[in-house]
């Protein structure tokens, strides 16, 4: 597995109430806590537009909101606050041969599972209302899930990994799981395993792109399939 050795700036600390805390890791954890709160509260979406029926319009607004909260905010922290390179946080191709191969293999394995789950009442009720023509659906999911992979696996996980090692992968599962709390129970219970796989893929390749691509495929398939079963 690739190693993620820290540089001197990753290890810098500050003292707070007698505690010596690593600056970058502490900032990343606090930032993600606030980001998850603002995302859950839909802070960036005007109150008049907030709806909870998961129609394609509100899904697009949430995706745009996540581009700001999950992508631009942590990217700004990396570039302007840490004065660091985004490539150290997964914004690169990385080991693309492994990434492409593993992403394709994962999608092949997950396709029959997704199709099976899509036919259940819980999944149809949750996902079918979000269906949209494929180009629009792909655009929404790409904005949403690329941003999601960056904030959890690139920004948080890789930042923690350079100070604390592989436990950073496990810690990053906490906020990722919280964003799934309203989803069907079967998906919520599997989030730990799915998030671990996405984290491992980022760790193995040094890039968030391959996990994001697989994530987009799986979510797009489950929405389209749920709508198809719902209309059957």
C-alpha atoms as a PDB file:
ATOM      1  CA  UNK A   1       0.000   0.000   0.000  1.00  0.00           C
ATOM      2  CA  UNK A   2       1.226   3.559  -0.637  1.00  0.00           C
ATOM      3  CA  UNK A   3       2.512   5.483   2.353  1.00  0.00           C
ATOM      4  CA  UNK A   4       1.520   9.046   3.181  1.00  0.00           C
ATOM      5  CA  UNK A   5       4.513  10.485   5.010  1.00  0.00           C
ATOM      6  CA  UNK A   6       3.938  13.841   6.696  1.00  0.00           C
ATOM      7  CA  UNK A   7       5.982  16.911   6.032  1.00  0.00           C
ATOM      8  CA  UNK A   8       6.983  19.382   8.700  1.00  0.00           C
ATOM      9  CA  UNK A   9       3.809  21.439   8.250  1.00  0.00           C
ATOM     10  CA  UNK A  10       1.578  18.391   8.750  1.00  0.00           C
ATOM     11  CA  UNK A  11       3.138  17.864  12.164  1.00  0.00           C
ATOM     12  CA  UNK A  12       3.008  21.432  13.459  1.00  0.00           C
ATOM     13  CA  UNK A  13       1.003  21.740  16.664  1.00  0.00           C
ATOM     14  CA  UNK A  14      -0.655  24.415  18.739  1.00  0.00           C
ATOM     15  CA  UNK A  15      -1.492  24.385  22.441  1.00  0.00           C
ATOM     16  CA  UNK A  16      -5.089  24.775  23.585  1.00  0.00           C
ATOM     17  CA  UNK A  17      -6.129  24.352  27.232  1.00  0.00           C
ATOM     18  CA  UNK A  18      -3.016  22.293  27.885  1.00  0.00           C
ATOM     19  CA  UNK A  19      -3.486  20.082  24.809  1.00  0.00           C
ATOM     20  CA  UNK A  20      -0.930  19.931  21.986  1.00  0.00           C
ATOM     21  CA  UNK A  21      -2.999  19.505  18.812  1.00  0.00           C
ATOM     22  CA  UNK A  22      -1.830  19.060  15.194  1.00  0.00           C
ATOM     23  CA  UNK A  23      -2.919  22.203  13.385  1.00  0.00           C
ATOM     24  CA  UNK A  24      -3.937  20.781  10.019  1.00  0.00           C
ATOM     25  CA  UNK A  25      -5.717  17.698  11.346  1.00  0.00           C
ATOM     26  CA  UNK A  26      -7.589  19.734  13.943  1.00  0.00           C
ATOM     27  CA  UNK A  27      -8.686  22.276  11.360  1.00  0.00           C
ATOM     28  CA  UNK A  28      -9.825  19.482   9.029  1.00  0.00           C
ATOM     29  CA  UNK A  29     -11.914  17.751  11.721  1.00  0.00           C
ATOM     30  CA  UNK A  30     -13.551  20.976  12.941  1.00  0.00           C
ATOM     31  CA  UNK A  31     -14.207  22.125   9.376  1.00  0.00           C
ATOM     32  CA  UNK A  32     -15.879  18.830   8.441  1.00  0.00           C
ATOM     33  CA  UNK A  33     -18.081  18.937  11.561  1.00  0.00           C
ATOM     34  CA  UNK A  34     -19.317  22.402  10.574  1.00  0.00           C
ATOM     35  CA  UNK A  35     -19.676  21.442   6.918  1.00  0.00           C
ATOM     36  CA  UNK A  36     -21.855  18.432   7.789  1.00  0.00           C
ATOM     37  CA  UNK A  37     -24.053  20.621  10.012  1.00  0.00           C
ATOM     38  CA  UNK A  38     -24.501  23.269   7.314  1.00  0.00           C
ATOM     39  CA  UNK A  39     -25.238  20.588   4.712  1.00  0.00           C
ATOM     40  CA  UNK A  40     -27.839  18.890   6.924  1.00  0.00           C
ATOM     41  CA  UNK A  41     -29.511  22.236   7.646  1.00  0.00           C
ATOM     42  CA  UNK A  42     -29.388  23.142   3.930  1.00  0.00           C
ATOM     43  CA  UNK A  43     -27.931  26.469   4.934  1.00  0.00           C
ATOM     44  CA  UNK A  44     -27.005  27.538   1.406  1.00  0.00           C
ATOM     45  CA  UNK A  45     -30.419  26.772  -0.083  1.00  0.00           C
ATOM     46  CA  UNK A  46     -32.979  29.602   0.275  1.00  0.00           C
ATOM     47  CA  UNK A  47     -35.773  28.653   2.673  1.00  0.00           C
ATOM     48  CA  UNK A  48     -38.398  29.257   0.023  1.00  0.00           C
ATOM     49  CA  UNK A  49     -36.812  26.579  -2.182  1.00  0.00           C
ATOM     50  CA  UNK A  50     -36.194  23.896   0.450  1.00  0.00           C
ATOM     51  CA  UNK A  51     -38.265  20.759  -0.113  1.00  0.00           C
ATOM     52  CA  UNK A  52     -37.924  17.271   1.338  1.00  0.00           C
ATOM     53  CA  UNK A  53     -39.521  15.189  -1.399  1.00  0.00           C
ATOM     54  CA  UNK A  54     -36.216  14.473  -3.203  1.00  0.00           C
ATOM     55  CA  UNK A  55     -37.443  15.782  -6.554  1.00  0.00           C
ATOM     56  CA  UNK A  56     -34.738  16.366  -9.212  1.00  0.00           C
ATOM     57  CA  UNK A  57     -34.793  20.142  -8.697  1.00  0.00           C
ATOM     58  CA  UNK A  58     -34.008  19.992  -4.981  1.00  0.00           C
ATOM     59  CA  UNK A  59     -31.418  17.296  -5.641  1.00  0.00           C
ATOM     60  CA  UNK A  60     -29.683  19.636  -8.078  1.00  0.00           C
ATOM     61  CA  UNK A  61     -29.774  22.486  -5.549  1.00  0.00           C
ATOM     62  CA  UNK A  62     -28.290  20.230  -2.900  1.00  0.00           C
ATOM     63  CA  UNK A  63     -25.575  19.126  -5.311  1.00  0.00           C
ATOM     64  CA  UNK A  64     -24.665  22.750  -6.046  1.00  0.00           C
ATOM     65  CA  UNK A  65     -24.660  23.458  -2.320  1.00  0.00           C
ATOM     66  CA  UNK A  66     -22.262  20.548  -1.826  1.00  0.00           C
ATOM     67  CA  UNK A  67     -19.938  21.819  -4.531  1.00  0.00           C
ATOM     68  CA  UNK A  68     -19.536  24.885  -2.322  1.00  0.00           C
ATOM     69  CA  UNK A  69     -19.496  23.188   1.103  1.00  0.00           C
ATOM     70  CA  UNK A  70     -17.848  19.858   0.293  1.00  0.00           C
ATOM     71  CA  UNK A  71     -15.470  20.974  -2.460  1.00  0.00           C
ATOM     72  CA  UNK A  72     -14.734  24.684  -2.605  1.00  0.00           C
ATOM     73  CA  UNK A  73     -14.559  25.271   1.162  1.00  0.00           C
ATOM     74  CA  UNK A  74     -12.072  22.453   1.907  1.00  0.00           C
ATOM     75  CA  UNK A  75     -10.147  23.276  -1.261  1.00  0.00           C
ATOM     76  CA  UNK A  76      -9.873  26.874  -0.062  1.00  0.00           C
ATOM     77  CA  UNK A  77      -8.613  25.647   3.308  1.00  0.00           C
ATOM     78  CA  UNK A  78      -5.975  23.510   1.582  1.00  0.00           C
ATOM     79  CA  UNK A  79      -4.763  26.218  -0.810  1.00  0.00           C
ATOM     80  CA  UNK A  80      -5.196  29.388   1.231  1.00  0.00           C
ATOM     81  CA  UNK A  81      -5.025  28.084   4.789  1.00  0.00           C
ATOM     82  CA  UNK A  82      -2.596  25.172   4.615  1.00  0.00           C
ATOM     83  CA  UNK A  83      -0.705  26.627   1.625  1.00  0.00           C
ATOM     84  CA  UNK A  84      -0.533  23.104   0.293  1.00  0.00           C
ATOM     85  CA  UNK A  85      -1.000  21.310  -3.026  1.00  0.00           C
ATOM     86  CA  UNK A  86      -4.473  19.889  -3.782  1.00  0.00           C
ATOM     87  CA  UNK A  87      -2.774  16.818  -5.270  1.00  0.00           C
ATOM     88  CA  UNK A  88      -1.792  15.777  -1.725  1.00  0.00           C
ATOM     89  CA  UNK A  89      -5.505  15.559  -0.967  1.00  0.00           C
ATOM     90  CA  UNK A  90      -6.529  13.230  -3.773  1.00  0.00           C
ATOM     91  CA  UNK A  91      -7.091  15.716  -6.616  1.00  0.00           C
ATOM     92  CA  UNK A  92      -4.957  13.862  -9.141  1.00  0.00           C
ATOM     93  CA  UNK A  93      -5.101  10.753 -11.313  1.00  0.00           C
ATOM     94  CA  UNK A  94      -2.865   8.828  -8.938  1.00  0.00           C
ATOM     95  CA  UNK A  95      -2.278   5.173  -9.789  1.00  0.00           C
ATOM     96  CA  UNK A  96      -4.798   5.277 -12.603  1.00  0.00           C
ATOM     97  CA  UNK A  97      -4.308   1.692 -13.809  1.00  0.00           C
ATOM     98  CA  UNK A  98      -5.264   0.273 -10.419  1.00  0.00           C
ATOM     99  CA  UNK A  99      -7.913   2.953 -10.006  1.00  0.00           C
ATOM    100  CA  UNK A 100      -9.641   2.258 -13.311  1.00  0.00           C
ATOM    101  CA  UNK A 101      -9.455  -1.514 -12.895  1.00  0.00           C
ATOM    102  CA  UNK A 102     -10.718  -1.527  -9.326  1.00  0.00           C
ATOM    103  CA  UNK A 103     -13.517   0.943 -10.088  1.00  0.00           C
ATOM    104  CA  UNK A 104     -14.749  -1.183 -13.019  1.00  0.00           C
ATOM    105  CA  UNK A 105     -14.514  -4.385 -10.990  1.00  0.00           C
ATOM    106  CA  UNK A 106     -16.416  -2.793  -8.116  1.00  0.00           C
ATOM    107  CA  UNK A 107     -19.168  -1.577 -10.432  1.00  0.00           C
ATOM    108  CA  UNK A 108     -19.529  -5.038 -11.978  1.00  0.00           C
ATOM    109  CA  UNK A 109     -19.846  -6.636  -8.527  1.00  0.00           C
ATOM    110  CA  UNK A 110     -22.303  -4.003  -7.303  1.00  0.00           C
ATOM    111  CA  UNK A 111     -24.596  -3.960 -10.359  1.00  0.00           C
ATOM    112  CA  UNK A 112     -26.694  -7.058  -9.492  1.00  0.00           C
ATOM    113  CA  UNK A 113     -26.833  -5.997  -5.827  1.00  0.00           C
ATOM    114  CA  UNK A 114     -28.061  -2.531  -6.779  1.00  0.00           C
ATOM    115  CA  UNK A 115     -30.673  -3.956  -9.150  1.00  0.00           C
ATOM    116  CA  UNK A 116     -31.911  -6.319  -6.452  1.00  0.00           C
ATOM    117  CA  UNK A 117     -32.201  -3.551  -3.852  1.00  0.00           C
ATOM    118  CA  UNK A 118     -33.822  -1.163  -6.322  1.00  0.00           C
ATOM    119  CA  UNK A 119     -36.870  -3.390  -6.495  1.00  0.00           C
ATOM    120  CA  UNK A 120     -37.605  -3.194  -2.763  1.00  0.00           C
ATOM    121  CA  UNK A 121     -40.318  -0.807  -1.531  1.00  0.00           C
ATOM    122  CA  UNK A 122     -37.956   1.238   0.681  1.00  0.00           C
ATOM    123  CA  UNK A 123     -35.534   1.945  -2.145  1.00  0.00           C
ATOM    124  CA  UNK A 124     -38.274   2.703  -4.677  1.00  0.00           C
ATOM    125  CA  UNK A 125     -39.928   5.134  -2.280  1.00  0.00           C
ATOM    126  CA  UNK A 126     -36.656   6.891  -1.492  1.00  0.00           C
ATOM    127  CA  UNK A 127     -34.873   7.008  -4.863  1.00  0.00           C
ATOM    128  CA  UNK A 128     -37.531   6.959  -7.586  1.00  0.00           C
ATOM    129  CA  UNK A 129     -38.648  10.594  -7.009  1.00  0.00           C
ATOM    130  CA  UNK A 130     -35.099  11.767  -7.863  1.00  0.00           C
ATOM    131  CA  UNK A 131     -35.134  10.278 -11.354  1.00  0.00           C
ATOM    132  CA  UNK A 132     -34.311  12.636 -14.220  1.00  0.00           C
ATOM    133  CA  UNK A 133     -33.164  12.298 -17.835  1.00  0.00           C
ATOM    134  CA  UNK A 134     -29.766  10.589 -17.798  1.00  0.00           C
ATOM    135  CA  UNK A 135     -27.567  13.595 -18.715  1.00  0.00           C
ATOM    136  CA  UNK A 136     -29.157  15.718 -16.005  1.00  0.00           C
ATOM    137  CA  UNK A 137     -29.035  12.880 -13.471  1.00  0.00           C
ATOM    138  CA  UNK A 138     -25.346  12.292 -14.195  1.00  0.00           C
ATOM    139  CA  UNK A 139     -24.561  15.996 -13.842  1.00  0.00           C
ATOM    140  CA  UNK A 140     -26.313  16.193 -10.462  1.00  0.00           C
ATOM    141  CA  UNK A 141     -24.677  13.036  -9.135  1.00  0.00           C
ATOM    142  CA  UNK A 142     -21.229  14.028 -10.390  1.00  0.00           C
ATOM    143  CA  UNK A 143     -21.373  17.398  -8.636  1.00  0.00           C
ATOM    144  CA  UNK A 144     -22.701  15.803  -5.467  1.00  0.00           C
ATOM    145  CA  UNK A 145     -20.486  12.730  -5.217  1.00  0.00           C
ATOM    146  CA  UNK A 146     -17.202  14.139  -6.480  1.00  0.00           C
ATOM    147  CA  UNK A 147     -17.553  16.811  -3.810  1.00  0.00           C
ATOM    148  CA  UNK A 148     -18.489  14.178  -1.225  1.00  0.00           C
ATOM    149  CA  UNK A 149     -15.447  12.056  -2.009  1.00  0.00           C
ATOM    150  CA  UNK A 150     -13.183  15.083  -1.767  1.00  0.00           C
ATOM    151  CA  UNK A 151     -14.341  16.310   1.635  1.00  0.00           C
ATOM    152  CA  UNK A 152     -14.342  12.900   3.325  1.00  0.00           C
ATOM    153  CA  UNK A 153     -11.658  10.868   1.572  1.00  0.00           C
ATOM    154  CA  UNK A 154      -9.353  13.551   0.169  1.00  0.00           C
ATOM    155  CA  UNK A 155      -9.510  16.422   2.642  1.00  0.00           C
ATOM    156  CA  UNK A 156     -10.283  14.651   5.925  1.00  0.00           C
ATOM    157  CA  UNK A 157      -8.920  11.131   5.487  1.00  0.00           C
ATOM    158  CA  UNK A 158      -5.610  11.968   3.825  1.00  0.00           C
ATOM    159  CA  UNK A 159      -5.032  14.878   6.192  1.00  0.00           C
ATOM    160  CA  UNK A 160      -5.485  12.562   9.185  1.00  0.00           C
ATOM    161  CA  UNK A 161      -3.528   9.736   7.556  1.00  0.00           C
ATOM    162  CA  UNK A 162      -0.337  11.775   7.457  1.00  0.00           C
ATOM    163  CA  UNK A 163      -0.424  12.251  11.228  1.00  0.00           C
ATOM    164  CA  UNK A 164      -2.262   9.188  12.568  1.00  0.00           C
ATOM    165  CA  UNK A 165      -1.877   6.554   9.837  1.00  0.00           C
ATOM    166  CA  UNK A 166      -4.614   4.204   8.536  1.00  0.00           C
ATOM    167  CA  UNK A 167      -6.959   4.985  11.431  1.00  0.00           C
ATOM    168  CA  UNK A 168      -7.717   8.137   9.425  1.00  0.00           C
ATOM    169  CA  UNK A 169      -9.733   5.928   7.046  1.00  0.00           C
ATOM    170  CA  UNK A 170     -11.919   4.730   9.915  1.00  0.00           C
ATOM    171  CA  UNK A 171     -12.377   8.198  11.422  1.00  0.00           C
ATOM    172  CA  UNK A 172     -13.526   9.550   8.046  1.00  0.00           C
ATOM    173  CA  UNK A 173     -16.372   7.021   8.070  1.00  0.00           C
ATOM    174  CA  UNK A 174     -18.148   8.853  10.891  1.00  0.00           C
ATOM    175  CA  UNK A 175     -19.263  11.988   9.014  1.00  0.00           C
ATOM    176  CA  UNK A 176     -19.793   9.982   5.818  1.00  0.00           C
ATOM    177  CA  UNK A 177     -22.221   7.723   7.680  1.00  0.00           C
ATOM    178  CA  UNK A 178     -24.065  10.678   9.201  1.00  0.00           C
ATOM    179  CA  UNK A 179     -24.919  12.019   5.744  1.00  0.00           C
ATOM    180  CA  UNK A 180     -26.821   8.752   5.097  1.00  0.00           C
ATOM    181  CA  UNK A 181     -29.043   8.825   8.181  1.00  0.00           C
ATOM    182  CA  UNK A 182     -32.253   9.501   6.235  1.00  0.00           C
ATOM    183  CA  UNK A 183     -31.672   6.717   3.711  1.00  0.00           C
ATOM    184  CA  UNK A 184     -33.205   3.207   3.689  1.00  0.00           C
ATOM    185  CA  UNK A 185     -32.042   1.042   6.604  1.00  0.00           C
ATOM    186  CA  UNK A 186     -30.297  -1.541   4.428  1.00  0.00           C
ATOM    187  CA  UNK A 187     -28.205   1.178   2.794  1.00  0.00           C
ATOM    188  CA  UNK A 188     -27.472   2.891   6.094  1.00  0.00           C
ATOM    189  CA  UNK A 189     -26.220  -0.354   7.638  1.00  0.00           C
ATOM    190  CA  UNK A 190     -23.976  -0.981   4.619  1.00  0.00           C
ATOM    191  CA  UNK A 191     -22.558   2.543   4.603  1.00  0.00           C
ATOM    192  CA  UNK A 192     -19.674   1.591   6.868  1.00  0.00           C
ATOM    193  CA  UNK A 193     -18.542  -1.117   4.430  1.00  0.00           C
ATOM    194  CA  UNK A 194     -19.118   1.050   1.347  1.00  0.00           C
ATOM    195  CA  UNK A 195     -17.330   4.022   2.860  1.00  0.00           C
ATOM    196  CA  UNK A 196     -14.422   1.799   3.845  1.00  0.00           C
ATOM    197  CA  UNK A 197     -14.139   0.536   0.264  1.00  0.00           C
ATOM    198  CA  UNK A 198     -14.137   4.084  -1.133  1.00  0.00           C
ATOM    199  CA  UNK A 199     -11.544   5.062   1.460  1.00  0.00           C
ATOM    200  CA  UNK A 200      -9.371   2.070   0.663  1.00  0.00           C
ATOM    201  CA  UNK A 201      -9.585   2.871  -3.057  1.00  0.00           C
ATOM    202  CA  UNK A 202      -8.467   6.442  -2.413  1.00  0.00           C
ATOM    203  CA  UNK A 203      -5.647   5.170  -0.205  1.00  0.00           C
ATOM    204  CA  UNK A 204      -4.533   2.576  -2.778  1.00  0.00           C
ATOM    205  CA  UNK A 205      -4.515   4.986  -5.713  1.00  0.00           C
ATOM    206  CA  UNK A 206      -3.795   8.342  -4.037  1.00  0.00           C
ATOM    207  CA  UNK A 207      -6.799   9.775  -5.868  1.00  0.00           C
ATOM    208  CA  UNK A 208     -10.458  10.438  -5.065  1.00  0.00           C
ATOM    209  CA  UNK A 209     -11.441  10.255  -8.745  1.00  0.00           C
ATOM    210  CA  UNK A 210     -11.865   6.493  -9.046  1.00  0.00           C
ATOM    211  CA  UNK A 211     -14.032   6.161  -5.963  1.00  0.00           C
ATOM    212  CA  UNK A 212     -16.059   9.144  -7.145  1.00  0.00           C
ATOM    213  CA  UNK A 213     -16.586   7.557 -10.572  1.00  0.00           C
ATOM    214  CA  UNK A 214     -17.798   4.296  -9.002  1.00  0.00           C
ATOM    215  CA  UNK A 215     -19.994   6.223  -6.556  1.00  0.00           C
ATOM    216  CA  UNK A 216     -21.630   8.170  -9.405  1.00  0.00           C
ATOM    217  CA  UNK A 217     -22.302   4.973 -11.348  1.00  0.00           C
ATOM    218  CA  UNK A 218     -23.874   3.182  -8.386  1.00  0.00           C
ATOM    219  CA  UNK A 219     -26.121   6.062  -7.294  1.00  0.00           C
ATOM    220  CA  UNK A 220     -27.206   6.812 -10.866  1.00  0.00           C
ATOM    221  CA  UNK A 221     -28.053   3.163 -11.440  1.00  0.00           C
ATOM    222  CA  UNK A 222     -30.026   2.837  -8.219  1.00  0.00           C
ATOM    223  CA  UNK A 223     -32.093   5.971  -8.968  1.00  0.00           C
ATOM    224  CA  UNK A 224     -32.839   4.927 -12.550  1.00  0.00           C
ATOM    225  CA  UNK A 225     -33.566   1.315 -11.594  1.00  0.00           C
ATOM    226  CA  UNK A 226     -35.805   2.321  -8.671  1.00  0.00           C
ATOM    227  CA  UNK A 227     -37.818   4.553 -10.986  1.00  0.00           C
ATOM    228  CA  UNK A 228     -38.023   1.746 -13.528  1.00  0.00           C
ATOM    229  CA  UNK A 229     -39.328  -0.736 -10.971  1.00  0.00           C
ATOM    230  CA  UNK A 230     -41.729   1.888  -9.661  1.00  0.00           C
ATOM    231  CA  UNK A 231     -43.238   2.305 -13.121  1.00  0.00           C
ATOM    232  CA  UNK A 232     -43.422  -1.409 -13.799  1.00  0.00           C
END
